[in-house]
Amino acid sequence: MDQVRASARNVGISAQKVRLLVDLVRGRPAVEALNVLKFMPNAAAGPVAKVIRTAIGNAEETAGFSRDDLYISEIFADEGPTMRRGRVGARGRFKPLLKRSSHITVVLKEKEAA
């Protein structure tokens, strides 16, 4: 088992907004990625950091990896279900509101010893 994964499903932020942060941390060491996300103002930084922390915990408990040797090999945000809500617009018309959600998946791997 050379990789560990964790995922969060039905996160209440659109996948487009989550992808902005996911692209920042892809390929970085896991601990460094958490430090980057800690200082980001985006609302998606919290859920992304939470999934990375979960993946680190899974790696330490199940596979026995050291958190300093882990890096993010894959991280992606897929679209989740969309809640369709609405509000009344001008002249009594219906204006749809789409409340989008996303699924965040992280795959961590251990660095190869040189």
PDB file of N, CA and C in Angstrom:
ATOM      1  N   MET A   1       0.851  -1.188   0.000  1.00  0.00           N
ATOM      2  CA  MET A   1       0.000   0.000   0.000  1.00  0.00           C
ATOM      3  C   MET A   1       0.889   1.241   0.000  1.00  0.00           C
ATOM      4  N   ASP A   2       1.077   1.812  -1.167  1.00  0.00           N
ATOM      5  CA  ASP A   2       1.983   2.947  -1.284  1.00  0.00           C
ATOM      6  C   ASP A   2       1.262   4.283  -1.334  1.00  0.00           C
ATOM      7  N   GLN A   3      -0.067   4.259  -1.342  1.00  0.00           N
ATOM      8  CA  GLN A   3      -0.812   5.514  -1.350  1.00  0.00           C
ATOM      9  C   GLN A   3      -1.997   5.434  -0.404  1.00  0.00           C
ATOM     10  N   VAL A   4      -2.414   6.609   0.070  1.00  0.00           N
ATOM     11  CA  VAL A   4      -3.536   6.701   1.006  1.00  0.00           C
ATOM     12  C   VAL A   4      -4.476   7.762   0.475  1.00  0.00           C
ATOM     13  N   ARG A   5      -5.773   7.494   0.571  1.00  0.00           N
ATOM     14  CA  ARG A   5      -6.732   8.462   0.057  1.00  0.00           C
ATOM     15  C   ARG A   5      -7.760   8.827   1.113  1.00  0.00           C
ATOM     16  N   ALA A   6      -8.321  10.016   0.945  1.00  0.00           N
ATOM     17  CA  ALA A   6      -9.417  10.485   1.782  1.00  0.00           C
ATOM     18  C   ALA A   6     -10.320  11.353   0.913  1.00  0.00           C
ATOM     19  N   SER A   7     -11.598  11.388   1.243  1.00  0.00           N
ATOM     20  CA  SER A   7     -12.500  12.206   0.447  1.00  0.00           C
ATOM     21  C   SER A   7     -13.586  12.804   1.333  1.00  0.00           C
ATOM     22  N   ALA A   8     -14.098  13.927   0.895  1.00  0.00           N
ATOM     23  CA  ALA A   8     -15.243  14.570   1.536  1.00  0.00           C
ATOM     24  C   ALA A   8     -16.303  14.723   0.464  1.00  0.00           C
ATOM     25  N   ARG A   9     -17.509  14.303   0.778  1.00  0.00           N
ATOM     26  CA  ARG A   9     -18.583  14.344  -0.212  1.00  0.00           C
ATOM     27  C   ARG A   9     -19.635  15.357   0.200  1.00  0.00           C
ATOM     28  N   ASN A  10     -20.282  15.922  -0.806  1.00  0.00           N
ATOM     29  CA  ASN A  10     -21.372  16.885  -0.620  1.00  0.00           C
ATOM     30  C   ASN A  10     -20.954  18.110   0.187  1.00  0.00           C
ATOM     31  N   VAL A  11     -19.759  18.629  -0.091  1.00  0.00           N
ATOM     32  CA  VAL A  11     -19.302  19.863   0.539  1.00  0.00           C
ATOM     33  C   VAL A  11     -20.076  21.012  -0.102  1.00  0.00           C
ATOM     34  N   GLY A  12     -20.594  21.912   0.699  1.00  0.00           N
ATOM     35  CA  GLY A  12     -21.508  22.941   0.216  1.00  0.00           C
ATOM     36  C   GLY A  12     -20.865  24.120  -0.476  1.00  0.00           C
ATOM     37  N   ILE A  13     -19.817  23.888  -1.259  1.00  0.00           N
ATOM     38  CA  ILE A  13     -19.148  24.930  -2.029  1.00  0.00           C
ATOM     39  C   ILE A  13     -19.013  24.406  -3.451  1.00  0.00           C
ATOM     40  N   SER A  14     -19.177  25.271  -4.441  1.00  0.00           N
ATOM     41  CA  SER A  14     -19.122  24.812  -5.825  1.00  0.00           C
ATOM     42  C   SER A  14     -17.730  24.282  -6.165  1.00  0.00           C
ATOM     43  N   ALA A  15     -17.702  23.319  -7.061  1.00  0.00           N
ATOM     44  CA  ALA A  15     -16.437  22.689  -7.454  1.00  0.00           C
ATOM     45  C   ALA A  15     -15.503  23.699  -8.100  1.00  0.00           C
ATOM     46  N   GLN A  16     -16.044  24.682  -8.791  1.00  0.00           N
ATOM     47  CA  GLN A  16     -15.219  25.699  -9.444  1.00  0.00           C
ATOM     48  C   GLN A  16     -14.419  26.493  -8.415  1.00  0.00           C
ATOM     49  N   LYS A  17     -15.029  26.810  -7.288  1.00  0.00           N
ATOM     50  CA  LYS A  17     -14.343  27.573  -6.241  1.00  0.00           C
ATOM     51  C   LYS A  17     -13.324  26.703  -5.509  1.00  0.00           C
ATOM     52  N   VAL A  18     -13.635  25.426  -5.337  1.00  0.00           N
ATOM     53  CA  VAL A  18     -12.712  24.522  -4.651  1.00  0.00           C
ATOM     54  C   VAL A  18     -11.481  24.266  -5.516  1.00  0.00           C
ATOM     55  N   ARG A  19     -11.675  24.197  -6.832  1.00  0.00           N
ATOM     56  CA  ARG A  19     -10.557  23.907  -7.740  1.00  0.00           C
ATOM     57  C   ARG A  19      -9.484  24.987  -7.699  1.00  0.00           C
ATOM     58  N   LEU A  20      -9.862  26.227  -7.374  1.00  0.00           N
ATOM     59  CA  LEU A  20      -8.872  27.296  -7.268  1.00  0.00           C
ATOM     60  C   LEU A  20      -7.829  26.971  -6.204  1.00  0.00           C
ATOM     61  N   LEU A  21      -8.259  26.403  -5.076  1.00  0.00           N
ATOM     62  CA  LEU A  21      -7.343  26.060  -3.998  1.00  0.00           C
ATOM     63  C   LEU A  21      -6.659  24.721  -4.234  1.00  0.00           C
ATOM     64  N   VAL A  22      -7.390  23.796  -4.823  1.00  0.00           N
ATOM     65  CA  VAL A  22      -6.847  22.460  -5.067  1.00  0.00           C
ATOM     66  C   VAL A  22      -5.640  22.546  -5.998  1.00  0.00           C
ATOM     67  N   ASP A  23      -5.715  23.453  -6.980  1.00  0.00           N
ATOM     68  CA  ASP A  23      -4.601  23.610  -7.923  1.00  0.00           C
ATOM     69  C   ASP A  23      -3.367  24.194  -7.249  1.00  0.00           C
ATOM     70  N   LEU A  24      -3.562  24.958  -6.173  1.00  0.00           N
ATOM     71  CA  LEU A  24      -2.431  25.546  -5.456  1.00  0.00           C
ATOM     72  C   LEU A  24      -1.595  24.506  -4.716  1.00  0.00           C
ATOM     73  N   VAL A  25      -2.256  23.498  -4.153  1.00  0.00           N
ATOM     74  CA  VAL A  25      -1.554  22.570  -3.262  1.00  0.00           C
ATOM     75  C   VAL A  25      -1.155  21.263  -3.926  1.00  0.00           C
ATOM     76  N   ARG A  26      -1.570  21.037  -5.159  1.00  0.00           N
ATOM     77  CA  ARG A  26      -1.242  19.780  -5.852  1.00  0.00           C
ATOM     78  C   ARG A  26       0.272  19.649  -6.021  1.00  0.00           C
ATOM     79  N   GLY A  27       0.830  18.501  -5.618  1.00  0.00           N
ATOM     80  CA  GLY A  27       2.253  18.234  -5.752  1.00  0.00           C
ATOM     81  C   GLY A  27       3.098  18.706  -4.585  1.00  0.00           C
ATOM     82  N   ARG A  28       2.539  19.433  -3.662  1.00  0.00           N
ATOM     83  CA  ARG A  28       3.303  19.937  -2.515  1.00  0.00           C
ATOM     84  C   ARG A  28       3.376  18.889  -1.408  1.00  0.00           C
ATOM     85  N   PRO A  29       4.356  19.024  -0.521  1.00  0.00           N
ATOM     86  CA  PRO A  29       4.341  18.186   0.688  1.00  0.00           C
ATOM     87  C   PRO A  29       3.073  18.474   1.502  1.00  0.00           C
ATOM     88  N   ALA A  30       2.552  17.467   2.158  1.00  0.00           N
ATOM     89  CA  ALA A  30       1.263  17.596   2.835  1.00  0.00           C
ATOM     90  C   ALA A  30       1.288  18.653   3.938  1.00  0.00           C
ATOM     91  N   VAL A  31       2.365  18.710   4.706  1.00  0.00           N
ATOM     92  CA  VAL A  31       2.448  19.681   5.802  1.00  0.00           C
ATOM     93  C   VAL A  31       2.526  21.098   5.247  1.00  0.00           C
ATOM     94  N   GLU A  32       3.260  21.275   4.169  1.00  0.00           N
ATOM     95  CA  GLU A  32       3.367  22.599   3.537  1.00  0.00           C
ATOM     96  C   GLU A  32       2.015  23.034   2.965  1.00  0.00           C
ATOM     97  N   ALA A  33       1.271  22.089   2.398  1.00  0.00           N
ATOM     98  CA  ALA A  33      -0.042  22.407   1.847  1.00  0.00           C
ATOM     99  C   ALA A  33      -0.986  22.912   2.939  1.00  0.00           C
ATOM    100  N   LEU A  34      -0.925  22.295   4.118  1.00  0.00           N
ATOM    101  CA  LEU A  34      -1.759  22.763   5.227  1.00  0.00           C
ATOM    102  C   LEU A  34      -1.387  24.181   5.637  1.00  0.00           C
ATOM    103  N   ASN A  35      -0.094  24.493   5.636  1.00  0.00           N
ATOM    104  CA  ASN A  35       0.340  25.845   5.988  1.00  0.00           C
ATOM    105  C   ASN A  35      -0.125  26.866   4.952  1.00  0.00           C
ATOM    106  N   VAL A  36      -0.120  26.499   3.677  1.00  0.00           N
ATOM    107  CA  VAL A  36      -0.591  27.402   2.630  1.00  0.00           C
ATOM    108  C   VAL A  36      -2.090  27.669   2.809  1.00  0.00           C
ATOM    109  N   LEU A  37      -2.845  26.612   3.067  1.00  0.00           N
ATOM    110  CA  LEU A  37      -4.296  26.758   3.192  1.00  0.00           C
ATOM    111  C   LEU A  37      -4.702  27.531   4.441  1.00  0.00           C
ATOM    112  N   LYS A  38      -3.870  27.468   5.476  1.00  0.00           N
ATOM    113  CA  LYS A  38      -4.194  28.158   6.726  1.00  0.00           C
ATOM    114  C   LYS A  38      -4.341  29.665   6.522  1.00  0.00           C
ATOM    115  N   PHE A  39      -3.577  30.231   5.573  1.00  0.00           N
ATOM    116  CA  PHE A  39      -3.572  31.671   5.383  1.00  0.00           C
ATOM    117  C   PHE A  39      -4.356  32.123   4.147  1.00  0.00           C
ATOM    118  N   MET A  40      -5.120  31.219   3.552  1.00  0.00           N
ATOM    119  CA  MET A  40      -5.933  31.594   2.397  1.00  0.00           C
ATOM    120  C   MET A  40      -7.279  32.133   2.875  1.00  0.00           C
ATOM    121  N   PRO A  41      -7.764  33.225   2.265  1.00  0.00           N
ATOM    122  CA  PRO A  41      -9.029  33.805   2.698  1.00  0.00           C
ATOM    123  C   PRO A  41     -10.263  33.087   2.147  1.00  0.00           C
ATOM    124  N   ASN A  42     -10.085  32.189   1.187  1.00  0.00           N
ATOM    125  CA  ASN A  42     -11.214  31.539   0.536  1.00  0.00           C
ATOM    126  C   ASN A  42     -11.977  30.646   1.508  1.00  0.00           C
ATOM    127  N   ALA A  43     -13.287  30.563   1.313  1.00  0.00           N
ATOM    128  CA  ALA A  43     -14.122  29.726   2.176  1.00  0.00           C
ATOM    129  C   ALA A  43     -13.815  28.242   1.983  1.00  0.00           C
ATOM    130  N   ALA A  44     -13.335  27.865   0.811  1.00  0.00           N
ATOM    131  CA  ALA A  44     -13.054  26.457   0.527  1.00  0.00           C
ATOM    132  C   ALA A  44     -11.777  25.970   1.198  1.00  0.00           C
ATOM    133  N   ALA A  45     -10.980  26.868   1.765  1.00  0.00           N
ATOM    134  CA  ALA A  45      -9.713  26.458   2.383  1.00  0.00           C
ATOM    135  C   ALA A  45      -9.954  25.525   3.565  1.00  0.00           C
ATOM    136  N   GLY A  46     -11.002  25.759   4.326  1.00  0.00           N
ATOM    137  CA  GLY A  46     -11.302  24.916   5.484  1.00  0.00           C
ATOM    138  C   GLY A  46     -11.597  23.476   5.113  1.00  0.00           C
ATOM    139  N   PRO A  47     -12.574  23.230   4.230  1.00  0.00           N
ATOM    140  CA  PRO A  47     -12.867  21.847   3.838  1.00  0.00           C
ATOM    141  C   PRO A  47     -11.706  21.134   3.157  1.00  0.00           C
ATOM    142  N   VAL A  48     -10.932  21.838   2.330  1.00  0.00           N
ATOM    143  CA  VAL A  48      -9.792  21.210   1.657  1.00  0.00           C
ATOM    144  C   VAL A  48      -8.734  20.819   2.687  1.00  0.00           C
ATOM    145  N   ALA A  49      -8.450  21.711   3.638  1.00  0.00           N
ATOM    146  CA  ALA A  49      -7.478  21.411   4.688  1.00  0.00           C
ATOM    147  C   ALA A  49      -7.949  20.239   5.545  1.00  0.00           C
ATOM    148  N   LYS A  50      -9.245  20.181   5.801  1.00  0.00           N
ATOM    149  CA  LYS A  50      -9.789  19.095   6.612  1.00  0.00           C
ATOM    150  C   LYS A  50      -9.589  17.736   5.934  1.00  0.00           C
ATOM    151  N   VAL A  51      -9.792  17.686   4.623  1.00  0.00           N
ATOM    152  CA  VAL A  51      -9.608  16.426   3.894  1.00  0.00           C
ATOM    153  C   VAL A  51      -8.133  16.030   3.901  1.00  0.00           C
ATOM    154  N   ILE A  52      -7.239  17.018   3.751  1.00  0.00           N
ATOM    155  CA  ILE A  52      -5.801  16.707   3.775  1.00  0.00           C
ATOM    156  C   ILE A  52      -5.396  16.199   5.155  1.00  0.00           C
ATOM    157  N   ARG A  53      -5.907  16.818   6.225  1.00  0.00           N
ATOM    158  CA  ARG A  53      -5.604  16.341   7.583  1.00  0.00           C
ATOM    159  C   ARG A  53      -6.122  14.921   7.794  1.00  0.00           C
ATOM    160  N   THR A  54      -7.289  14.624   7.249  1.00  0.00           N
ATOM    161  CA  THR A  54      -7.839  13.270   7.351  1.00  0.00           C
ATOM    162  C   THR A  54      -6.955  12.261   6.632  1.00  0.00           C
ATOM    163  N   ALA A  55      -6.479  12.627   5.444  1.00  0.00           N
ATOM    164  CA  ALA A  55      -5.612  11.728   4.678  1.00  0.00           C
ATOM    165  C   ALA A  55      -4.290  11.498   5.411  1.00  0.00           C
ATOM    166  N   ILE A  56      -3.760  12.539   6.046  1.00  0.00           N
ATOM    167  CA  ILE A  56      -2.527  12.389   6.825  1.00  0.00           C
ATOM    168  C   ILE A  56      -2.762  11.437   7.990  1.00  0.00           C
ATOM    169  N   GLY A  57      -3.885  11.600   8.677  1.00  0.00           N
ATOM    170  CA  GLY A  57      -4.219  10.701   9.784  1.00  0.00           C
ATOM    171  C   GLY A  57      -4.377   9.268   9.321  1.00  0.00           C
ATOM    172  N   ASN A  58      -5.023   9.070   8.178  1.00  0.00           N
ATOM    173  CA  ASN A  58      -5.169   7.718   7.628  1.00  0.00           C
ATOM    174  C   ASN A  58      -3.805   7.109   7.315  1.00  0.00           C
ATOM    175  N   ALA A  59      -2.905   7.927   6.772  1.00  0.00           N
ATOM    176  CA  ALA A  59      -1.576   7.431   6.408  1.00  0.00           C
ATOM    177  C   ALA A  59      -0.785   7.030   7.646  1.00  0.00           C
ATOM    178  N   GLU A  60      -0.892   7.809   8.700  1.00  0.00           N
ATOM    179  CA  GLU A  60      -0.140   7.490   9.922  1.00  0.00           C
ATOM    180  C   GLU A  60      -0.697   6.264  10.624  1.00  0.00           C
ATOM    181  N   GLU A  61      -2.018   6.141  10.662  1.00  0.00           N
ATOM    182  CA  GLU A  61      -2.635   5.034  11.398  1.00  0.00           C
ATOM    183  C   GLU A  61      -2.598   3.718  10.629  1.00  0.00           C
ATOM    184  N   THR A  62      -3.035   3.737   9.391  1.00  0.00           N
ATOM    185  CA  THR A  62      -3.191   2.471   8.667  1.00  0.00           C
ATOM    186  C   THR A  62      -1.906   2.009   7.998  1.00  0.00           C
ATOM    187  N   ALA A  63      -1.156   2.951   7.389  1.00  0.00           N
ATOM    188  CA  ALA A  63       0.023   2.551   6.626  1.00  0.00           C
ATOM    189  C   ALA A  63       1.322   2.766   7.381  1.00  0.00           C
ATOM    190  N   GLY A  64       1.287   3.522   8.471  1.00  0.00           N
ATOM    191  CA  GLY A  64       2.490   3.750   9.257  1.00  0.00           C
ATOM    192  C   GLY A  64       3.470   4.731   8.627  1.00  0.00           C
ATOM    193  N   PHE A  65       2.978   5.616   7.751  1.00  0.00           N
ATOM    194  CA  PHE A  65       3.851   6.614   7.127  1.00  0.00           C
ATOM    195  C   PHE A  65       4.138   7.747   8.101  1.00  0.00           C
ATOM    196  N   SER A  66       5.249   8.432   7.894  1.00  0.00           N
ATOM    197  CA  SER A  66       5.556   9.642   8.646  1.00  0.00           C
ATOM    198  C   SER A  66       4.950  10.829   7.918  1.00  0.00           C
ATOM    199  N   ARG A  67       4.378  11.773   8.660  1.00  0.00           N
ATOM    200  CA  ARG A  67       3.707  12.901   8.017  1.00  0.00           C
ATOM    201  C   ARG A  67       4.679  13.799   7.261  1.00  0.00           C
ATOM    202  N   ASP A  68       5.958  13.762   7.620  1.00  0.00           N
ATOM    203  CA  ASP A  68       6.946  14.591   6.928  1.00  0.00           C
ATOM    204  C   ASP A  68       7.330  14.027   5.562  1.00  0.00           C
ATOM    205  N   ASP A  69       7.069  12.739   5.332  1.00  0.00           N
ATOM    206  CA  ASP A  69       7.435  12.098   4.066  1.00  0.00           C
ATOM    207  C   ASP A  69       6.290  12.087   3.059  1.00  0.00           C
ATOM    208  N   LEU A  70       5.138  12.629   3.417  1.00  0.00           N
ATOM    209  CA  LEU A  70       3.963  12.553   2.546  1.00  0.00           C
ATOM    210  C   LEU A  70       3.877  13.768   1.641  1.00  0.00           C
ATOM    211  N   TYR A  71       3.436  13.539   0.405  1.00  0.00           N
ATOM    212  CA  TYR A  71       3.139  14.645  -0.500  1.00  0.00           C
ATOM    213  C   TYR A  71       1.829  14.349  -1.227  1.00  0.00           C
ATOM    214  N   ILE A  72       1.229  15.393  -1.749  1.00  0.00           N
ATOM    215  CA  ILE A  72      -0.065  15.265  -2.408  1.00  0.00           C
ATOM    216  C   ILE A  72       0.171  14.884  -3.856  1.00  0.00           C
ATOM    217  N   SER A  73      -0.096  13.637  -4.189  1.00  0.00           N
ATOM    218  CA  SER A  73       0.116  13.195  -5.564  1.00  0.00           C
ATOM    219  C   SER A  73      -1.102  13.508  -6.430  1.00  0.00           C
ATOM    220  N   GLU A  74      -2.286  13.361  -5.870  1.00  0.00           N
ATOM    221  CA  GLU A  74      -3.516  13.687  -6.597  1.00  0.00           C
ATOM    222  C   GLU A  74      -4.457  14.411  -5.661  1.00  0.00           C
ATOM    223  N   ILE A  75      -5.099  15.432  -6.176  1.00  0.00           N
ATOM    224  CA  ILE A  75      -6.164  16.100  -5.433  1.00  0.00           C
ATOM    225  C   ILE A  75      -7.093  16.693  -6.478  1.00  0.00           C
ATOM    226  N   PHE A  76      -8.385  16.441  -6.327  1.00  0.00           N
ATOM    227  CA  PHE A  76      -9.328  16.968  -7.312  1.00  0.00           C
ATOM    228  C   PHE A  76     -10.679  17.207  -6.658  1.00  0.00           C
ATOM    229  N   ALA A  77     -11.445  18.070  -7.305  1.00  0.00           N
ATOM    230  CA  ALA A  77     -12.787  18.418  -6.842  1.00  0.00           C
ATOM    231  C   ALA A  77     -13.774  18.141  -7.970  1.00  0.00           C
ATOM    232  N   ASP A  78     -14.691  17.227  -7.727  1.00  0.00           N
ATOM    233  CA  ASP A  78     -15.725  16.904  -8.705  1.00  0.00           C
ATOM    234  C   ASP A  78     -17.028  17.574  -8.294  1.00  0.00           C
ATOM    235  N   GLU A  79     -17.923  17.722  -9.252  1.00  0.00           N
ATOM    236  CA  GLU A  79     -19.216  18.313  -8.942  1.00  0.00           C
ATOM    237  C   GLU A  79     -20.076  17.329  -8.174  1.00  0.00           C
ATOM    238  N   GLY A  80     -20.762  17.846  -7.169  1.00  0.00           N
ATOM    239  CA  GLY A  80     -21.709  17.046  -6.409  1.00  0.00           C
ATOM    240  C   GLY A  80     -23.124  17.383  -6.851  1.00  0.00           C
ATOM    241  N   PRO A  81     -24.107  16.937  -6.103  1.00  0.00           N
ATOM    242  CA  PRO A  81     -25.489  17.239  -6.467  1.00  0.00           C
ATOM    243  C   PRO A  81     -25.796  18.731  -6.321  1.00  0.00           C
ATOM    244  N   THR A  82     -26.685  19.207  -7.163  1.00  0.00           N
ATOM    245  CA  THR A  82     -27.091  20.603  -7.133  1.00  0.00           C
ATOM    246  C   THR A  82     -28.499  20.700  -6.563  1.00  0.00           C
ATOM    247  N   MET A  83     -28.660  21.491  -5.501  1.00  0.00           N
ATOM    248  CA  MET A  83     -29.991  21.741  -4.949  1.00  0.00           C
ATOM    249  C   MET A  83     -30.626  22.864  -5.754  1.00  0.00           C
ATOM    250  N   ARG A  84     -31.835  22.653  -6.195  1.00  0.00           N
ATOM    251  CA  ARG A  84     -32.517  23.663  -6.994  1.00  0.00           C
ATOM    252  C   ARG A  84     -33.516  24.388  -6.099  1.00  0.00           C
ATOM    253  N   ARG A  85     -33.231  25.659  -5.862  1.00  0.00           N
ATOM    254  CA  ARG A  85     -34.103  26.510  -5.069  1.00  0.00           C
ATOM    255  C   ARG A  85     -34.523  27.672  -5.954  1.00  0.00           C
ATOM    256  N   GLY A  86     -35.334  28.562  -5.462  1.00  0.00           N
ATOM    257  CA  GLY A  86     -35.749  29.677  -6.285  1.00  0.00           C
ATOM    258  C   GLY A  86     -36.229  30.842  -5.445  1.00  0.00           C
ATOM    259  N   ARG A  87     -36.363  31.958  -6.120  1.00  0.00           N
ATOM    260  CA  ARG A  87     -36.915  33.137  -5.471  1.00  0.00           C
ATOM    261  C   ARG A  87     -37.787  33.849  -6.483  1.00  0.00           C
ATOM    262  N   VAL A  88     -38.651  34.673  -5.977  1.00  0.00           N
ATOM    263  CA  VAL A  88     -39.580  35.377  -6.838  1.00  0.00           C
ATOM    264  C   VAL A  88     -38.883  36.606  -7.405  1.00  0.00           C
ATOM    265  N   GLY A  89     -38.978  36.771  -8.715  1.00  0.00           N
ATOM    266  CA  GLY A  89     -38.363  37.905  -9.375  1.00  0.00           C
ATOM    267  C   GLY A  89     -39.394  38.960  -9.731  1.00  0.00           C
ATOM    268  N   ALA A  90     -39.021  39.864 -10.603  1.00  0.00           N
ATOM    269  CA  ALA A  90     -39.906  40.942 -11.020  1.00  0.00           C
ATOM    270  C   ALA A  90     -41.145  40.386 -11.720  1.00  0.00           C
ATOM    271  N   ARG A  91     -42.268  41.025 -11.507  1.00  0.00           N
ATOM    272  CA  ARG A  91     -43.556  40.654 -12.089  1.00  0.00           C
ATOM    273  C   ARG A  91     -43.979  39.240 -11.721  1.00  0.00           C
ATOM    274  N   GLY A  92     -43.550  38.757 -10.560  1.00  0.00           N
ATOM    275  CA  GLY A  92     -43.981  37.451 -10.086  1.00  0.00           C
ATOM    276  C   GLY A  92     -43.329  36.277 -10.770  1.00  0.00           C
ATOM    277  N   ARG A  93     -42.299  36.538 -11.520  1.00  0.00           N
ATOM    278  CA  ARG A  93     -41.621  35.432 -12.207  1.00  0.00           C
ATOM    279  C   ARG A  93     -40.740  34.659 -11.224  1.00  0.00           C
ATOM    280  N   PHE A  94     -40.441  33.423 -11.598  1.00  0.00           N
ATOM    281  CA  PHE A  94     -39.597  32.546 -10.769  1.00  0.00           C
ATOM    282  C   PHE A  94     -38.156  32.660 -11.224  1.00  0.00           C
ATOM    283  N   LYS A  95     -37.264  32.961 -10.310  1.00  0.00           N
ATOM    284  CA  LYS A  95     -35.839  33.055 -10.616  1.00  0.00           C
ATOM    285  C   LYS A  95     -35.122  31.889  -9.934  1.00  0.00           C
ATOM    286  N   PRO A  96     -34.561  30.949 -10.713  1.00  0.00           N
ATOM    287  CA  PRO A  96     -33.929  29.779 -10.089  1.00  0.00           C
ATOM    288  C   PRO A  96     -32.608  30.134  -9.410  1.00  0.00           C
ATOM    289  N   LEU A  97     -32.349  29.490  -8.276  1.00  0.00           N
ATOM    290  CA  LEU A  97     -31.070  29.554  -7.572  1.00  0.00           C
ATOM    291  C   LEU A  97     -30.516  28.140  -7.539  1.00  0.00           C
ATOM    292  N   LEU A  98     -29.300  27.977  -8.034  1.00  0.00           N
ATOM    293  CA  LEU A  98     -28.666  26.666  -8.030  1.00  0.00           C
ATOM    294  C   LEU A  98     -27.632  26.644  -6.921  1.00  0.00           C
ATOM    295  N   LYS A  99     -27.855  25.817  -5.913  1.00  0.00           N
ATOM    296  CA  LYS A  99     -26.915  25.694  -4.804  1.00  0.00           C
ATOM    297  C   LYS A  99     -26.047  24.476  -5.077  1.00  0.00           C
ATOM    298  N   ARG A 100     -24.833  24.737  -5.542  1.00  0.00           N
ATOM    299  CA  ARG A 100     -23.959  23.670  -6.002  1.00  0.00           C
ATOM    300  C   ARG A 100     -23.138  23.101  -4.849  1.00  0.00           C
ATOM    301  N   SER A 101     -22.737  21.850  -5.001  1.00  0.00           N
ATOM    302  CA  SER A 101     -21.874  21.205  -4.008  1.00  0.00           C
ATOM    303  C   SER A 101     -20.761  20.469  -4.748  1.00  0.00           C
ATOM    304  N   SER A 102     -19.814  19.924  -3.987  1.00  0.00           N
ATOM    305  CA  SER A 102     -18.667  19.268  -4.617  1.00  0.00           C
ATOM    306  C   SER A 102     -18.187  18.102  -3.767  1.00  0.00           C
ATOM    307  N   HIS A 103     -17.407  17.234  -4.407  1.00  0.00           N
ATOM    308  CA  HIS A 103     -16.740  16.117  -3.752  1.00  0.00           C
ATOM    309  C   HIS A 103     -15.241  16.364  -3.866  1.00  0.00           C
ATOM    310  N   ILE A 104     -14.528  16.364  -2.724  1.00  0.00           N
ATOM    311  CA  ILE A 104     -13.081  16.615  -2.715  1.00  0.00           C
ATOM    312  C   ILE A 104     -12.372  15.307  -2.411  1.00  0.00           C
ATOM    313  N   THR A 105     -11.384  14.940  -3.218  1.00  0.00           N
ATOM    314  CA  THR A 105     -10.625  13.706  -3.025  1.00  0.00           C
ATOM    315  C   THR A 105      -9.138  14.021  -3.003  1.00  0.00           C
ATOM    316  N   VAL A 106      -8.425  13.423  -2.025  1.00  0.00           N
ATOM    317  CA  VAL A 106      -6.994  13.619  -1.877  1.00  0.00           C
ATOM    318  C   VAL A 106      -6.312  12.247  -1.884  1.00  0.00           C
ATOM    319  N   VAL A 107      -5.205  12.139  -2.624  1.00  0.00           N
ATOM    320  CA  VAL A 107      -4.383  10.929  -2.613  1.00  0.00           C
ATOM    321  C   VAL A 107      -2.969  11.338  -2.209  1.00  0.00           C
ATOM    322  N   LEU A 108      -2.487  10.766  -1.111  1.00  0.00           N
ATOM    323  CA  LEU A 108      -1.139  11.053  -0.623  1.00  0.00           C
ATOM    324  C   LEU A 108      -0.217   9.879  -0.941  1.00  0.00           C
ATOM    325  N   LYS A 109       1.033  10.190  -1.259  1.00  0.00           N
ATOM    326  CA  LYS A 109       2.044   9.160  -1.462  1.00  0.00           C
ATOM    327  C   LYS A 109       3.255   9.513  -0.614  1.00  0.00           C
ATOM    328  N   GLU A 110       4.053   8.493  -0.368  1.00  0.00           N
ATOM    329  CA  GLU A 110       5.268   8.688   0.415  1.00  0.00           C
ATOM    330  C   GLU A 110       6.425   9.002  -0.532  1.00  0.00           C
ATOM    331  N   LYS A 111       7.282   9.942  -0.144  1.00  0.00           N
ATOM    332  CA  LYS A 111       8.441  10.295  -0.966  1.00  0.00           C
ATOM    333  C   LYS A 111       9.384   9.118  -1.064  1.00  0.00           C
ATOM    334  N   GLU A 112       9.950   8.933  -2.225  1.00  0.00           N
ATOM    335  CA  GLU A 112      10.933   7.870  -2.416  1.00  0.00           C
ATOM    336  C   GLU A 112      12.249   8.283  -1.781  1.00  0.00           C
ATOM    337  N   ALA A 113      12.876   7.386  -1.040  1.00  0.00           N
ATOM    338  CA  ALA A 113      14.173   7.690  -0.419  1.00  0.00           C
ATOM    339  C   ALA A 113      15.243   7.735  -1.502  1.00  0.00           C
ATOM    340  N   ALA A 114      16.044   8.799  -1.490  1.00  0.00           N
ATOM    341  CA  ALA A 114      17.044   8.971  -2.549  1.00  0.00           C
ATOM    342  C   ALA A 114      18.280   8.131  -2.291  1.00  0.00           C
TER     343      ALA A 114
END
